Amino acid sequence: MAEIVKMPKLSDTMTEGVVAKWHKKVGEKVKNGELLADIETDKATMEFESFQDGVLLYQGVAEGKGAPVDAILAILGKEGEDISALLAEAKNAAAKPAETSPEVKALAAPEKIIEKKAEPLPEPVLQKATVSQPVAAASNGHSDSRMKASPLAKKLAVEKGINILTVKGSGDYGRIIKRDVENYTGSALQMKTFVGVESFREEAVSQMRKTIARRLAESKFSAPHFYLTMEIEMDEMIKARESINTVSPVKISYNDLVIKAVASSLRSNPKVNSSWLGDRIRYNEHIHIGMAVAVDDGLLVPVIRFADGKTLSQISAEAREFAKKAKEKKLQPSDWEGNTFTISNLGMFGIDQFTAIINPPDACILAIGGIKQAPIVKNGQLVAGNLMKVTLSCDHRVVDGATGSAFLQTFKHLLENPVLLLGAASI
């Protein structure tokens, strides 16, 4: 008997999936455990295997198209089996809420508009070329339409390439006449026209970008953010990193050192390692650090678990592997779930300072800027130093200013005194 295969929910935030590729054609046999399709979720493109044997009788979603979770993805059954009754039953079941509830029907309208926008877009259409005329500022307080000038003076000014607004009039009430243009001694303007073409390009929003937009909007407008910024002297850490990389089996980056310092600081300041759950606050005793990674479609946050108990080499190896998998869209749900605190580092892009939006369900996110040489005062003397600015974004429902400040003080102390950070963990 034919059975419907529904669009699976492949992540906790997935509401819609896009079929990136079908591995089976209609009429082909499918075995249990055999690859059926590649489905693009809000965070990655994942392989979907069949859970039953049969013949692929129907594809409910075309390649490149999307459908909500639990919609008909495919129908499997016996070869030649009639599925018309099964499709009709499924369509009737989907239509019932709209028939019985006018309110639901009204709310469903925007969804249809969104689906329409997600269709493949036409190539950019070049609009008719428009000629932009040069505009000069009026020197006598009048616009060109109200300027006092004779028609002959205007025509002569155009022929000579003179901006008539710069000509001083000698006629009645300052009116510009032919003689004024003929006697004009200023430099003539090269009144060239520029022909431009209006064009644009539009792209359908990816599942990942839709989810990023929704989650960050919810975070920004539901969690009352406040921000704490601190400067950290990195001279000692720069020296320590150079020494570490002479003996480390893998190259240790500043980001690896930041992750280790954050994990140690959270252990000392457990109230920052928390989540707002509406009617209660969860204080996490484990430390899972989310590491924001930029990809073409947006931002992914793979999680380094139990970061406080790992060595710098282990952290570095995991971070590199996650970054690679993120860019190749090979991260699995288990790779990005469970964060208790998040780090966003834009220092490698030359950004000195920025603020980040909290990544739910965390109560805080730490924005890391680049290391920059700057004058600092040491022992009463002005010397050159290396400074790094960090900004902690806090959910004020969970973390108070004093709590966030205590965390940053611990973090600063560890980076400025790397022997304290490295003494508790091997390289």
Protein backbone atom coordinates (compact mmCIF):
# COMPACT_ATOMS: atom_id res chain seq x y z
CA MET A 1 0.00 0.00 0.00
CA ALA A 2 1.29 3.47 -0.92
CA GLU A 3 2.60 5.65 1.91
CA ILE A 4 3.25 9.37 2.12
CA VAL A 5 6.77 10.55 3.01
CA LYS A 6 6.51 13.94 4.71
CA MET A 7 9.01 16.81 4.70
CA PRO A 8 11.13 15.97 7.78
CA LYS A 9 12.04 18.39 10.57
CA LEU A 10 15.83 18.12 10.44
CA SER A 11 16.66 20.82 13.01
CA ASP A 12 15.00 22.37 16.03
CA THR A 13 14.43 25.67 14.18
CA MET A 14 13.43 24.27 10.79
CA THR A 15 9.96 25.25 9.54
CA GLU A 16 10.52 24.74 5.82
CA GLY A 17 12.82 22.65 3.66
CA VAL A 18 14.08 23.05 0.09
CA VAL A 19 14.82 20.01 -2.06
CA ALA A 20 18.33 20.67 -3.29
CA LYS A 21 18.51 17.41 -5.27
CA TRP A 22 16.48 14.28 -5.89
CA HIS A 23 18.57 11.08 -5.93
CA LYS A 24 15.67 9.00 -7.25
CA LYS A 25 13.34 9.59 -10.21
CA VAL A 26 9.65 8.77 -10.33
CA GLY A 27 9.32 5.10 -11.20
CA GLU A 28 12.63 4.04 -9.67
CA LYS A 29 12.87 1.53 -6.82
CA VAL A 30 13.91 2.80 -3.39
CA LYS A 31 15.28 0.61 -0.60
CA ASN A 32 15.14 1.23 3.13
CA GLY A 33 18.21 3.31 4.09
CA GLU A 34 18.86 4.39 0.51
CA LEU A 35 19.46 8.08 -0.22
CA LEU A 36 16.24 9.71 -1.44
CA ALA A 37 16.98 13.45 -1.57
CA ASP A 38 19.24 16.28 -0.36
CA ILE A 39 17.24 18.78 1.71
CA GLU A 40 18.40 22.32 2.44
CA THR A 41 17.43 23.35 5.97
CA ASP A 42 17.90 26.69 7.68
CA LYS A 43 21.46 25.75 8.62
CA ALA A 44 22.81 23.10 6.25
CA THR A 45 22.08 20.82 3.31
CA MET A 46 21.43 17.34 4.68
CA GLU A 47 20.99 13.90 3.14
CA PHE A 48 17.57 12.32 3.65
CA GLU A 49 17.29 8.52 3.56
CA SER A 50 14.19 6.45 2.91
CA PHE A 51 12.74 4.55 5.85
CA GLN A 52 10.92 2.00 3.71
CA ASP A 53 11.10 -0.05 0.51
CA GLY A 54 9.04 0.75 -2.55
CA VAL A 55 8.81 2.53 -5.86
CA LEU A 56 8.92 6.34 -6.01
CA LEU A 57 5.44 7.11 -7.32
CA TYR A 58 5.28 10.85 -6.71
CA GLN A 59 7.55 13.81 -5.96
CA GLY A 60 5.69 16.43 -3.94
CA VAL A 61 8.41 19.07 -4.18
CA ALA A 62 10.45 19.90 -7.28
CA GLU A 63 14.19 20.46 -7.11
CA GLY A 64 14.97 23.98 -5.94
CA LYS A 65 11.49 24.41 -4.46
CA GLY A 66 10.53 24.56 -0.80
CA ALA A 67 7.72 23.15 1.32
CA PRO A 68 6.79 23.41 5.01
CA VAL A 69 7.61 20.67 7.49
CA ASP A 70 5.12 17.75 7.28
CA ALA A 71 4.09 18.62 3.70
CA ILE A 72 4.08 15.79 1.16
CA LEU A 73 7.67 15.19 0.09
CA ALA A 74 7.09 11.95 -1.81
CA ILE A 75 4.86 8.89 -2.09
CA LEU A 76 6.31 5.37 -2.10
CA GLY A 77 4.35 2.25 -2.99
CA LYS A 78 4.02 -0.59 -5.46
CA GLU A 79 4.74 -0.11 -9.13
CA GLY A 80 1.66 1.12 -11.00
CA GLU A 81 -0.34 1.71 -7.82
CA ASP A 82 -3.08 4.37 -8.03
CA ILE A 83 -2.32 7.24 -5.63
CA SER A 84 -5.01 9.70 -6.74
CA ALA A 85 -7.23 8.93 -3.74
CA LEU A 86 -4.28 9.34 -1.37
CA LEU A 87 -3.38 12.73 -2.87
CA ALA A 88 -6.99 13.91 -2.76
CA GLU A 89 -7.31 12.89 0.87
CA ALA A 90 -4.12 14.73 1.78
CA LYS A 91 -5.22 17.88 -0.06
CA ASN A 92 -8.64 17.82 1.61
CA ALA A 93 -7.04 17.46 5.03
CA ALA A 94 -4.78 20.45 4.31
CA ALA A 95 -7.74 22.54 3.13
CA LYS A 96 -10.02 21.91 6.13
CA PRO A 97 -8.61 24.60 8.47
CA ALA A 98 -9.08 27.25 5.77
CA GLU A 99 -12.71 26.20 5.18
CA THR A 100 -13.75 26.15 8.84
CA SER A 101 -11.88 29.22 10.01
CA PRO A 102 -12.11 32.54 8.10
CA GLU A 103 -9.44 33.97 10.38
CA VAL A 104 -6.98 31.25 9.43
CA LYS A 105 -7.84 31.80 5.77
CA ALA A 106 -7.04 35.49 6.11
CA LEU A 107 -3.78 34.77 7.85
CA ALA A 108 -2.82 32.28 5.16
CA ALA A 109 -2.80 34.96 2.46
CA PRO A 110 0.64 36.40 3.37
CA GLU A 111 2.06 32.88 3.22
CA LYS A 112 0.96 32.63 -0.42
CA ILE A 113 2.69 35.90 -1.18
CA ILE A 114 5.90 34.66 0.39
CA GLU A 115 5.80 31.44 -1.62
CA LYS A 116 5.31 33.43 -4.81
CA LYS A 117 8.39 35.51 -4.08
CA ALA A 118 10.46 32.39 -3.56
CA GLU A 119 9.99 31.33 -7.22
CA PRO A 120 12.97 31.65 -9.58
CA LEU A 121 13.43 35.27 -10.46
CA PRO A 122 13.82 36.58 -14.01
CA GLU A 123 17.06 37.96 -15.27
CA PRO A 124 17.63 41.65 -14.50
CA VAL A 125 15.79 43.90 -16.93
CA LEU A 126 17.72 46.83 -18.22
CA GLN A 127 15.61 49.91 -17.96
CA LYS A 128 15.50 52.59 -20.60
CA ALA A 129 18.62 54.71 -20.55
CA THR A 130 18.15 58.03 -18.86
CA VAL A 131 20.19 61.15 -19.39
CA SER A 132 21.18 62.93 -16.22
CA GLN A 133 21.58 66.65 -16.65
CA PRO A 134 24.26 68.42 -14.65
CA VAL A 135 22.92 70.54 -11.82
CA ALA A 136 24.85 73.45 -10.39
CA ALA A 137 24.23 75.27 -7.13
CA ALA A 138 22.70 78.67 -7.54
CA SER A 139 25.01 81.49 -6.56
CA ASN A 140 22.32 84.12 -6.46
CA GLY A 141 19.83 82.21 -4.29
CA HIS A 142 17.51 81.33 -7.20
CA SER A 143 16.78 77.93 -8.69
CA ASP A 144 17.00 77.58 -12.49
CA SER A 145 13.20 77.70 -12.81
CA ARG A 146 13.03 81.09 -11.06
CA MET A 147 16.26 82.52 -12.43
CA LYS A 148 16.00 85.97 -14.03
CA ALA A 149 17.55 85.63 -17.49
CA SER A 150 16.44 86.38 -21.00
CA PRO A 151 15.76 83.45 -23.34
CA LEU A 152 18.56 84.63 -25.62
CA ALA A 153 21.01 84.72 -22.69
CA LYS A 154 20.05 81.17 -21.70
CA LYS A 155 20.51 79.89 -25.25
CA LEU A 156 23.88 81.59 -25.62
CA ALA A 157 25.07 80.21 -22.27
CA VAL A 158 24.26 76.66 -23.41
CA GLU A 159 26.12 77.17 -26.69
CA LYS A 160 29.20 78.48 -24.91
CA GLY A 161 29.09 75.80 -22.20
CA ILE A 162 28.64 78.41 -19.46
CA ASN A 163 26.73 77.73 -16.26
CA ILE A 164 24.35 80.65 -16.38
CA LEU A 165 23.86 80.54 -12.61
CA THR A 166 27.41 81.82 -12.21
CA VAL A 167 26.84 84.84 -14.48
CA LYS A 168 26.13 88.19 -12.84
CA GLY A 169 23.20 90.01 -14.39
CA SER A 170 23.33 93.69 -15.37
CA GLY A 171 19.70 94.09 -16.40
CA ASP A 172 16.77 95.28 -14.36
CA TYR A 173 16.64 93.61 -10.90
CA GLY A 174 19.78 91.63 -11.73
CA ARG A 175 18.33 90.03 -14.87
CA ILE A 176 20.91 88.24 -17.00
CA ILE A 177 20.94 89.45 -20.58
CA LYS A 178 22.87 88.58 -23.74
CA ARG A 179 25.63 91.09 -23.01
CA ASP A 180 26.37 89.51 -19.62
CA VAL A 181 26.95 86.11 -21.19
CA GLU A 182 29.11 87.54 -24.00
CA ASN A 183 31.28 89.41 -21.50
CA TYR A 184 31.50 86.51 -19.03
CA THR A 185 35.16 85.93 -18.10
CA GLY A 186 34.79 82.83 -15.94
CA SER A 187 35.79 79.41 -17.17
CA ALA A 188 33.30 77.61 -19.37
CA LEU A 189 31.90 74.36 -18.07
CA GLN A 190 32.18 71.24 -20.10
CA MET A 191 28.46 70.51 -20.16
CA LYS A 192 28.75 66.86 -20.97
CA THR A 193 25.87 64.49 -20.49
CA PHE A 194 26.20 61.10 -18.84
CA VAL A 195 24.11 58.20 -20.07
CA GLY A 196 23.40 55.70 -17.30
CA VAL A 197 21.49 52.42 -17.25
CA GLU A 198 19.30 51.43 -14.32
CA SER A 199 19.50 47.76 -13.40
CA PHE A 200 19.20 45.50 -10.38
CA ARG A 201 19.39 41.87 -9.32
CA GLU A 202 17.20 40.03 -6.81
CA GLU A 203 17.76 36.67 -5.14
CA ALA A 204 15.35 34.46 -3.26
CA VAL A 205 16.07 34.40 0.47
CA SER A 206 17.71 31.12 1.54
CA GLN A 207 16.34 29.00 4.37
CA MET A 208 19.41 29.86 6.44
CA ARG A 209 18.98 33.61 5.95
CA LYS A 210 15.26 33.39 6.81
CA THR A 211 16.03 31.67 10.10
CA ILE A 212 18.88 34.05 10.96
CA ALA A 213 16.59 37.02 10.35
CA ARG A 214 13.79 35.56 12.47
CA ARG A 215 15.94 34.42 15.40
CA LEU A 216 18.03 37.59 15.62
CA ALA A 217 14.95 39.80 15.35
CA GLU A 218 13.33 37.84 18.18
CA SER A 219 16.51 38.17 20.25
CA LYS A 220 17.01 41.89 19.60
CA PHE A 221 13.41 42.91 20.27
CA SER A 222 12.55 40.49 23.09
CA ALA A 223 15.78 40.48 25.11
CA PRO A 224 16.71 43.86 26.65
CA HIS A 225 20.34 44.20 25.53
CA PHE A 226 22.97 46.26 27.27
CA TYR A 227 26.65 46.47 26.38
CA LEU A 228 29.92 46.50 28.30
CA THR A 229 33.17 47.41 26.50
CA MET A 230 36.71 46.91 27.80
CA GLU A 231 40.25 47.41 26.48
CA ILE A 232 42.76 44.63 27.07
CA GLU A 233 46.54 44.93 26.79
CA MET A 234 47.75 42.04 24.62
CA ASP A 235 51.55 42.49 24.80
CA GLU A 236 52.11 39.51 27.12
CA MET A 237 49.64 37.32 25.23
CA ILE A 238 51.41 38.07 21.93
CA LYS A 239 54.70 36.90 23.46
CA ALA A 240 53.03 33.84 25.01
CA ARG A 241 51.45 32.83 21.71
CA GLU A 242 54.78 33.04 19.91
CA SER A 243 56.32 30.76 22.54
CA ILE A 244 53.38 28.32 22.47
CA ASN A 245 53.57 27.91 18.69
CA THR A 246 57.22 26.80 18.92
CA VAL A 247 56.13 23.64 20.76
CA SER A 248 52.44 23.19 19.92
CA PRO A 249 51.51 20.31 17.55
CA VAL A 250 49.01 22.66 15.85
CA LYS A 251 49.13 26.40 15.28
CA ILE A 252 47.33 28.25 18.06
CA SER A 253 45.37 31.34 16.98
CA TYR A 254 44.28 34.31 19.08
CA ASN A 255 40.73 33.03 18.68
CA ASP A 256 41.74 29.74 20.33
CA LEU A 257 43.24 31.66 23.26
CA VAL A 258 40.09 33.79 23.53
CA ILE A 259 37.88 30.66 23.63
CA LYS A 260 40.02 29.16 26.40
CA ALA A 261 40.01 32.42 28.38
CA VAL A 262 36.23 32.77 28.01
CA ALA A 263 35.68 29.20 29.21
CA SER A 264 37.87 29.78 32.28
CA SER A 265 36.12 33.09 32.99
CA LEU A 266 32.71 31.43 32.81
CA ARG A 267 33.83 28.85 35.35
CA SER A 268 34.68 31.72 37.71
CA ASN A 269 31.48 33.66 36.84
CA PRO A 270 28.76 31.01 36.43
CA LYS A 271 25.84 33.48 36.39
CA VAL A 272 26.94 34.63 32.92
CA ASN A 273 26.71 31.05 31.67
CA SER A 274 22.92 31.11 31.79
CA SER A 275 19.64 31.27 29.83
CA TRP A 276 16.28 33.04 30.21
CA LEU A 277 13.42 30.52 30.05
CA GLY A 278 10.48 32.84 30.69
CA ASP A 279 9.40 31.75 34.16
CA ARG A 280 12.84 30.63 35.32
CA ILE A 281 16.58 31.12 34.72
CA ARG A 282 18.81 28.20 33.84
CA TYR A 283 22.36 28.36 35.20
CA ASN A 284 24.41 25.93 33.15
CA GLU A 285 27.10 24.01 34.99
CA HIS A 286 28.66 22.79 31.75
CA ILE A 287 30.41 25.21 29.37
CA HIS A 288 29.68 24.91 25.65
CA ILE A 289 31.13 27.77 23.60
CA GLY A 290 29.39 28.74 20.35
CA MET A 291 31.83 30.02 17.73
CA ALA A 292 30.25 32.27 15.08
CA VAL A 293 31.46 31.36 11.57
CA ALA A 294 30.62 33.46 8.50
CA VAL A 295 29.46 31.57 5.40
CA ASP A 296 28.02 32.73 2.07
CA ASP A 297 24.39 32.47 3.21
CA GLY A 298 24.87 34.05 6.64
CA LEU A 299 26.21 32.88 9.97
CA LEU A 300 26.58 29.46 11.58
CA VAL A 301 27.50 28.82 15.21
CA PRO A 302 29.15 25.42 15.77
CA VAL A 303 29.69 24.53 19.42
CA ILE A 304 32.92 23.56 21.18
CA ARG A 305 31.66 21.43 24.06
CA PHE A 306 33.21 21.38 27.54
CA ALA A 307 35.69 24.01 26.37
CA ASP A 308 36.99 24.66 29.89
CA GLY A 309 38.35 21.11 30.10
CA LYS A 310 40.08 21.03 26.71
CA THR A 311 43.65 21.92 25.83
CA LEU A 312 44.50 24.69 23.40
CA SER A 313 45.46 22.10 20.78
CA GLN A 314 42.10 20.37 21.10
CA ILE A 315 40.24 23.68 20.87
CA SER A 316 42.29 24.71 17.82
CA ALA A 317 41.70 21.41 16.02
CA GLU A 318 37.94 21.52 16.67
CA ALA A 319 37.63 25.17 15.65
CA ARG A 320 39.43 24.56 12.35
CA GLU A 321 37.34 21.48 11.57
CA PHE A 322 34.07 23.29 12.36
CA ALA A 323 35.04 26.28 10.21
CA LYS A 324 35.80 23.97 7.29
CA LYS A 325 32.56 21.99 7.67
CA ALA A 326 30.53 25.21 7.98
CA LYS A 327 31.87 26.61 4.70
CA GLU A 328 31.19 23.26 2.98
CA LYS A 329 27.66 23.08 4.48
CA LYS A 330 28.48 19.78 6.15
CA LEU A 331 27.61 20.69 9.74
CA GLN A 332 25.09 18.40 11.43
CA PRO A 333 22.46 19.47 14.01
CA SER A 334 24.59 18.02 16.81
CA ASP A 335 27.40 20.42 15.77
CA TRP A 336 25.40 23.64 16.33
CA GLU A 337 23.09 22.77 19.23
CA GLY A 338 23.60 23.24 22.97
CA ASN A 339 25.64 26.47 23.21
CA THR A 340 25.66 28.20 26.60
CA PHE A 341 27.75 31.24 25.55
CA THR A 342 28.77 32.60 22.14
CA ILE A 343 31.86 34.39 20.78
CA SER A 344 31.86 36.51 17.60
CA ASN A 345 35.33 37.50 16.41
CA LEU A 346 35.76 40.06 13.59
CA GLY A 347 39.31 41.04 14.47
CA MET A 348 40.71 39.18 11.48
CA PHE A 349 38.66 41.48 9.22
CA GLY A 350 40.26 44.65 10.63
CA ILE A 351 37.28 45.57 12.84
CA ASP A 352 38.39 47.41 16.00
CA GLN A 353 35.10 47.25 17.91
CA PHE A 354 31.48 46.19 17.39
CA THR A 355 28.41 44.97 19.25
CA ALA A 356 26.80 41.58 18.59
CA ILE A 357 23.19 40.42 18.98
CA ILE A 358 22.72 37.72 21.61
CA ASN A 359 22.44 34.21 20.17
CA PRO A 360 19.47 32.45 21.85
CA PRO A 361 19.25 30.72 24.26
CA ASP A 362 22.43 32.34 25.64
CA ALA A 363 22.26 35.28 28.02
CA CYS A 364 25.46 36.85 26.62
CA ILE A 365 27.65 37.09 23.54
CA LEU A 366 31.21 38.45 23.43
CA ALA A 367 32.28 40.54 20.41
CA ILE A 368 36.05 40.46 19.80
CA GLY A 369 37.81 43.25 17.90
CA GLY A 370 41.27 43.23 16.35
CA ILE A 371 44.58 43.83 18.11
CA LYS A 372 45.77 47.35 17.36
CA GLN A 373 48.92 49.23 18.27
CA ALA A 374 48.16 52.31 20.36
CA PRO A 375 49.87 54.58 22.90
CA ILE A 376 49.37 53.47 26.51
CA VAL A 377 50.65 54.69 29.86
CA LYS A 378 52.90 52.32 31.84
CA ASN A 379 54.62 53.40 35.04
CA GLY A 380 53.87 57.01 34.24
CA GLN A 381 55.47 56.76 30.78
CA LEU A 382 53.73 56.90 27.40
CA VAL A 383 54.75 53.81 25.42
CA ALA A 384 53.52 51.86 22.39
CA GLY A 385 51.28 48.94 23.25
CA ASN A 386 48.88 46.44 21.69
CA LEU A 387 45.23 46.80 22.64
CA MET A 388 42.19 44.67 21.92
CA LYS A 389 38.64 45.92 22.51
CA VAL A 390 35.89 43.50 23.50
CA THR A 391 32.18 44.16 24.00
CA LEU A 392 29.90 41.93 26.06
CA SER A 393 26.21 42.02 25.04
CA CYS A 394 24.03 41.01 27.99
CA ASP A 395 20.38 40.05 28.43
CA HIS A 396 19.38 42.32 31.33
CA ARG A 397 16.67 39.87 32.39
CA VAL A 398 19.42 37.47 33.44
CA VAL A 399 22.72 39.33 33.79
CA ASP A 400 23.18 42.62 35.65
CA GLY A 401 25.88 45.19 34.96
CA ALA A 402 28.00 44.17 37.95
CA THR A 403 27.82 40.48 36.96
CA GLY A 404 28.87 41.19 33.38
CA SER A 405 31.64 43.52 34.56
CA ALA A 406 33.04 40.85 36.89
CA PHE A 407 33.20 38.40 33.98
CA LEU A 408 35.07 40.92 31.80
CA GLN A 409 37.53 41.69 34.61
CA THR A 410 38.35 37.99 34.93
CA PHE A 411 38.69 37.67 31.16
CA LYS A 412 40.97 40.71 30.98
CA HIS A 413 43.13 39.44 33.85
CA LEU A 414 43.67 36.08 32.16
CA LEU A 415 44.64 37.57 28.79
CA GLU A 416 46.97 40.11 30.33
CA ASN A 417 48.55 37.39 32.49
CA PRO A 418 48.66 34.35 30.20
CA VAL A 419 50.65 32.28 32.70
CA LEU A 420 47.43 32.05 34.75
CA LEU A 421 45.51 30.81 31.74
CA LEU A 422 48.08 28.30 30.57
CA GLY A 423 49.04 27.05 33.99
CA ALA A 424 45.78 25.18 34.45
CA ALA A 425 45.82 23.45 31.05
CA SER A 426 48.48 21.87 28.88
CA ILE A 427 49.07 22.99 25.34
